[in-house]
Amino acid sequence: MTAAVTARFHLAFPVSDLEAAREFYAGLLGCPTGRESDHWIDFDFHGHQLVAHQVPPEAMPAVATNPVDGEAVPAMHFGAVLPWDQWEALAARLRAAGVAFVIEPQLRFEGRPGEQATMFIRDPAGNHLEFKAFRDESLLFAKDLSPYR
């Protein structure tokens, strides 16, 4: 069983266009905005604080990948673990909006501890986001002695 979340995380990340970030995070993903300036915007990301900081396009970091369960997973990414029904609704909303998936919605680690639904998308600045769901959220930190590849 996992412990109850008692702290919220804060993540600051670079974007090359604040208005495109606003349209993506507030518009497409439905994250309410908080404080903002000419150079950054706070977003409520499922109860956590994301801060998009505008940087020049050439300052955006490159992204390496690692193999995970047959996919090239972006090594640098963030996201949310959602209840299963919310994950399915988000996948449907992203498909309906014509969002290009980096990794299509799928079931990963099927039949093993840590089995999860997962999908990856990119924001307009190229930052990778993963959304996942567990049918049994108590398995979020489950261990398996066999290697994950």
C-alpha atoms as a PDB file:
ATOM      1  CA  MET A   1       0.000   0.000   0.000  1.00  0.00           C
ATOM      2  CA  THR A   2       1.363   3.463  -0.831  1.00  0.00           C
ATOM      3  CA  ALA A   3       1.472   6.297   1.658  1.00  0.00           C
ATOM      4  CA  ALA A   4      -0.943   9.188   1.255  1.00  0.00           C
ATOM      5  CA  VAL A   5       0.499  12.156  -0.592  1.00  0.00           C
ATOM      6  CA  THR A   6       1.181  14.892   1.950  1.00  0.00           C
ATOM      7  CA  ALA A   7       3.274  17.244  -0.184  1.00  0.00           C
ATOM      8  CA  ARG A   8       2.744  18.796  -3.564  1.00  0.00           C
ATOM      9  CA  PHE A   9       5.538  18.935  -6.070  1.00  0.00           C
ATOM     10  CA  HIS A  10       6.778  22.047  -7.859  1.00  0.00           C
ATOM     11  CA  LEU A  11       8.337  21.776 -11.289  1.00  0.00           C
ATOM     12  CA  ALA A  12       9.745  24.687 -13.279  1.00  0.00           C
ATOM     13  CA  PHE A  13      10.451  23.923 -16.930  1.00  0.00           C
ATOM     14  CA  PRO A  14      11.397  25.827 -20.095  1.00  0.00           C
ATOM     15  CA  VAL A  15       9.045  26.790 -22.900  1.00  0.00           C
ATOM     16  CA  SER A  16       9.794  28.840 -25.988  1.00  0.00           C
ATOM     17  CA  ASP A  17       6.329  30.445 -26.302  1.00  0.00           C
ATOM     18  CA  LEU A  18       4.238  31.356 -23.226  1.00  0.00           C
ATOM     19  CA  GLU A  19       0.976  31.770 -25.112  1.00  0.00           C
ATOM     20  CA  ALA A  20       1.372  28.375 -26.781  1.00  0.00           C
ATOM     21  CA  ALA A  21       2.088  26.930 -23.310  1.00  0.00           C
ATOM     22  CA  ARG A  22      -1.080  28.602 -21.965  1.00  0.00           C
ATOM     23  CA  GLU A  23      -3.181  27.146 -24.819  1.00  0.00           C
ATOM     24  CA  PHE A  24      -1.737  23.675 -24.246  1.00  0.00           C
ATOM     25  CA  TYR A  25      -1.734  23.454 -20.434  1.00  0.00           C
ATOM     26  CA  ALA A  26      -4.780  25.606 -19.606  1.00  0.00           C
ATOM     27  CA  GLY A  27      -6.735  24.984 -22.808  1.00  0.00           C
ATOM     28  CA  LEU A  28      -6.072  21.401 -23.917  1.00  0.00           C
ATOM     29  CA  LEU A  29      -5.149  19.853 -20.554  1.00  0.00           C
ATOM     30  CA  GLY A  30      -7.520  22.005 -18.462  1.00  0.00           C
ATOM     31  CA  CYS A  31      -4.904  23.168 -15.932  1.00  0.00           C
ATOM     32  CA  PRO A  32      -6.018  26.415 -14.242  1.00  0.00           C
ATOM     33  CA  THR A  33      -3.498  29.238 -14.285  1.00  0.00           C
ATOM     34  CA  GLY A  34      -2.170  30.975 -11.193  1.00  0.00           C
ATOM     35  CA  ARG A  35       0.304  33.804 -10.892  1.00  0.00           C
ATOM     36  CA  GLU A  36       2.128  34.926 -13.992  1.00  0.00           C
ATOM     37  CA  SER A  37       4.453  37.547 -15.417  1.00  0.00           C
ATOM     38  CA  ASP A  38       5.723  38.396 -18.872  1.00  0.00           C
ATOM     39  CA  HIS A  39       8.258  35.558 -18.493  1.00  0.00           C
ATOM     40  CA  TRP A  40       6.448  32.728 -16.643  1.00  0.00           C
ATOM     41  CA  ILE A  41       3.026  31.204 -15.874  1.00  0.00           C
ATOM     42  CA  ASP A  42       1.980  29.004 -12.936  1.00  0.00           C
ATOM     43  CA  PHE A  43      -0.335  26.074 -13.736  1.00  0.00           C
ATOM     44  CA  ASP A  44      -2.317  23.845 -11.361  1.00  0.00           C
ATOM     45  CA  PHE A  45      -1.325  20.417 -12.695  1.00  0.00           C
ATOM     46  CA  HIS A  46      -3.603  17.995 -10.840  1.00  0.00           C
ATOM     47  CA  GLY A  47      -2.936  19.833  -7.569  1.00  0.00           C
ATOM     48  CA  HIS A  48       0.774  20.364  -8.223  1.00  0.00           C
ATOM     49  CA  GLN A  49       2.535  23.563  -9.263  1.00  0.00           C
ATOM     50  CA  LEU A  50       4.051  23.729 -12.729  1.00  0.00           C
ATOM     51  CA  VAL A  51       5.816  26.906 -13.768  1.00  0.00           C
ATOM     52  CA  ALA A  52       6.478  27.439 -17.458  1.00  0.00           C
ATOM     53  CA  HIS A  53       9.475  29.773 -17.896  1.00  0.00           C
ATOM     54  CA  GLN A  54       9.994  31.359 -21.296  1.00  0.00           C
ATOM     55  CA  VAL A  55      13.454  30.813 -22.790  1.00  0.00           C
ATOM     56  CA  PRO A  56      14.818  31.410 -26.291  1.00  0.00           C
ATOM     57  CA  PRO A  57      14.075  28.468 -28.647  1.00  0.00           C
ATOM     58  CA  GLU A  58      17.786  27.661 -28.932  1.00  0.00           C
ATOM     59  CA  ALA A  59      17.936  27.184 -25.123  1.00  0.00           C
ATOM     60  CA  MET A  60      15.451  24.298 -25.146  1.00  0.00           C
ATOM     61  CA  PRO A  61      17.206  21.101 -24.002  1.00  0.00           C
ATOM     62  CA  ALA A  62      17.653  18.066 -26.250  1.00  0.00           C
ATOM     63  CA  VAL A  63      15.985  14.858 -25.092  1.00  0.00           C
ATOM     64  CA  ALA A  64      17.609  11.439 -24.945  1.00  0.00           C
ATOM     65  CA  THR A  65      15.579   8.222 -24.786  1.00  0.00           C
ATOM     66  CA  ASN A  66      15.826   4.926 -22.922  1.00  0.00           C
ATOM     67  CA  PRO A  67      14.299   1.592 -23.954  1.00  0.00           C
ATOM     68  CA  VAL A  68      11.336   0.648 -21.727  1.00  0.00           C
ATOM     69  CA  ASP A  69       9.095  -2.308 -22.555  1.00  0.00           C
ATOM     70  CA  GLY A  70       9.871  -2.042 -26.271  1.00  0.00           C
ATOM     71  CA  GLU A  71       9.454   1.754 -26.545  1.00  0.00           C
ATOM     72  CA  ALA A  72      11.963   4.634 -26.787  1.00  0.00           C
ATOM     73  CA  VAL A  73      10.855   6.552 -23.691  1.00  0.00           C
ATOM     74  CA  PRO A  74      12.039  10.165 -23.390  1.00  0.00           C
ATOM     75  CA  ALA A  75      14.463  10.179 -20.450  1.00  0.00           C
ATOM     76  CA  MET A  76      13.371  13.690 -19.463  1.00  0.00           C
ATOM     77  CA  HIS A  77       9.611  13.896 -18.922  1.00  0.00           C
ATOM     78  CA  PHE A  78       6.980  14.604 -16.308  1.00  0.00           C
ATOM     79  CA  GLY A  79       3.320  13.823 -15.946  1.00  0.00           C
ATOM     80  CA  ALA A  80       0.577  12.561 -13.696  1.00  0.00           C
ATOM     81  CA  VAL A  81      -0.780   9.275 -12.414  1.00  0.00           C
ATOM     82  CA  LEU A  82      -4.518   9.530 -12.969  1.00  0.00           C
ATOM     83  CA  PRO A  83      -7.468   7.386 -11.959  1.00  0.00           C
ATOM     84  CA  TRP A  84      -8.194   4.896 -14.771  1.00  0.00           C
ATOM     85  CA  ASP A  85     -11.383   6.607 -15.954  1.00  0.00           C
ATOM     86  CA  GLN A  86      -9.687  10.023 -16.064  1.00  0.00           C
ATOM     87  CA  TRP A  87      -6.776   8.529 -18.036  1.00  0.00           C
ATOM     88  CA  GLU A  88      -9.208   7.047 -20.579  1.00  0.00           C
ATOM     89  CA  ALA A  89     -11.103  10.360 -20.839  1.00  0.00           C
ATOM     90  CA  LEU A  90      -7.847  12.279 -21.370  1.00  0.00           C
ATOM     91  CA  ALA A  91      -6.687   9.827 -24.053  1.00  0.00           C
ATOM     92  CA  ALA A  92     -10.023  10.265 -25.849  1.00  0.00           C
ATOM     93  CA  ARG A  93      -9.840  14.079 -25.541  1.00  0.00           C
ATOM     94  CA  LEU A  94      -6.276  14.144 -26.909  1.00  0.00           C
ATOM     95  CA  ARG A  95      -7.250  11.874 -29.833  1.00  0.00           C
ATOM     96  CA  ALA A  96     -10.293  14.050 -30.602  1.00  0.00           C
ATOM     97  CA  ALA A  97      -8.060  17.146 -30.573  1.00  0.00           C
ATOM     98  CA  GLY A  98      -5.708  15.504 -33.089  1.00  0.00           C
ATOM     99  CA  VAL A  99      -2.730  15.488 -30.720  1.00  0.00           C
ATOM    100  CA  ALA A 100       0.215  13.498 -32.077  1.00  0.00           C
ATOM    101  CA  PHE A 101       1.290  10.920 -29.511  1.00  0.00           C
ATOM    102  CA  VAL A 102       4.993  10.329 -28.925  1.00  0.00           C
ATOM    103  CA  ILE A 103       3.957   6.940 -27.534  1.00  0.00           C
ATOM    104  CA  GLU A 104       0.371   5.886 -28.240  1.00  0.00           C
ATOM    105  CA  PRO A 105      -1.954   5.031 -25.345  1.00  0.00           C
ATOM    106  CA  GLN A 106      -1.168   1.450 -24.344  1.00  0.00           C
ATOM    107  CA  LEU A 107      -0.863  -1.089 -21.545  1.00  0.00           C
ATOM    108  CA  ARG A 108       2.722  -1.519 -20.285  1.00  0.00           C
ATOM    109  CA  PHE A 109       4.170  -4.352 -18.158  1.00  0.00           C
ATOM    110  CA  GLU A 110       1.023  -6.388 -18.753  1.00  0.00           C
ATOM    111  CA  GLY A 111       0.458  -9.082 -16.124  1.00  0.00           C
ATOM    112  CA  ARG A 112       3.402  -7.895 -13.988  1.00  0.00           C
ATOM    113  CA  PRO A 113       3.671  -5.765 -10.861  1.00  0.00           C
ATOM    114  CA  GLY A 114       3.483  -2.187 -12.076  1.00  0.00           C
ATOM    115  CA  GLU A 115       1.091  -2.956 -14.955  1.00  0.00           C
ATOM    116  CA  GLN A 116      -0.086   0.426 -16.182  1.00  0.00           C
ATOM    117  CA  ALA A 117      -1.826   2.325 -18.931  1.00  0.00           C
ATOM    118  CA  THR A 118       0.510   4.949 -20.347  1.00  0.00           C
ATOM    119  CA  MET A 119       0.791   7.541 -23.098  1.00  0.00           C
ATOM    120  CA  PHE A 120       3.306  10.247 -23.998  1.00  0.00           C
ATOM    121  CA  ILE A 121       2.691  13.590 -25.690  1.00  0.00           C
ATOM    122  CA  ARG A 122       4.755  16.739 -26.288  1.00  0.00           C
ATOM    123  CA  ASP A 123       3.847  20.285 -25.391  1.00  0.00           C
ATOM    124  CA  PRO A 124       4.381  23.024 -28.020  1.00  0.00           C
ATOM    125  CA  ALA A 125       7.953  23.604 -26.740  1.00  0.00           C
ATOM    126  CA  GLY A 126       8.846  19.922 -27.109  1.00  0.00           C
ATOM    127  CA  ASN A 127       8.657  18.978 -23.401  1.00  0.00           C
ATOM    128  CA  HIS A 128       7.512  15.383 -22.973  1.00  0.00           C
ATOM    129  CA  LEU A 129       4.600  14.489 -20.705  1.00  0.00           C
ATOM    130  CA  GLU A 130       3.549  11.018 -19.611  1.00  0.00           C
ATOM    131  CA  PHE A 131       0.108  10.236 -18.266  1.00  0.00           C
ATOM    132  CA  LYS A 132      -0.406   6.860 -16.650  1.00  0.00           C
ATOM    133  CA  ALA A 133      -2.997   4.920 -14.683  1.00  0.00           C
ATOM    134  CA  PHE A 134      -3.014   1.767 -12.596  1.00  0.00           C
ATOM    135  CA  ARG A 135      -6.075  -0.419 -12.183  1.00  0.00           C
ATOM    136  CA  ASP A 136      -4.684  -1.023  -8.685  1.00  0.00           C
ATOM    137  CA  GLU A 137      -2.916   2.152  -7.546  1.00  0.00           C
ATOM    138  CA  SER A 138      -1.387   0.273  -4.594  1.00  0.00           C
ATOM    139  CA  LEU A 139       0.994  -1.209  -7.201  1.00  0.00           C
ATOM    140  CA  LEU A 140       2.449   2.215  -8.076  1.00  0.00           C
ATOM    141  CA  PHE A 141       5.701   1.324  -6.268  1.00  0.00           C
ATOM    142  CA  ALA A 142       5.454  -2.479  -6.559  1.00  0.00           C
ATOM    143  CA  LYS A 143       8.735  -4.354  -6.967  1.00  0.00           C
ATOM    144  CA  ASP A 144       9.423  -7.149  -9.420  1.00  0.00           C
ATOM    145  CA  LEU A 145      12.613  -9.198  -9.258  1.00  0.00           C
ATOM    146  CA  SER A 146      12.802  -9.715 -13.028  1.00  0.00           C
ATOM    147  CA  PRO A 147      14.370  -6.895 -15.053  1.00  0.00           C
ATOM    148  CA  TYR A 148      12.186  -4.389 -16.893  1.00  0.00           C
ATOM    149  CA  ARG A 149      13.323  -3.934 -20.453  1.00  0.00           C
END
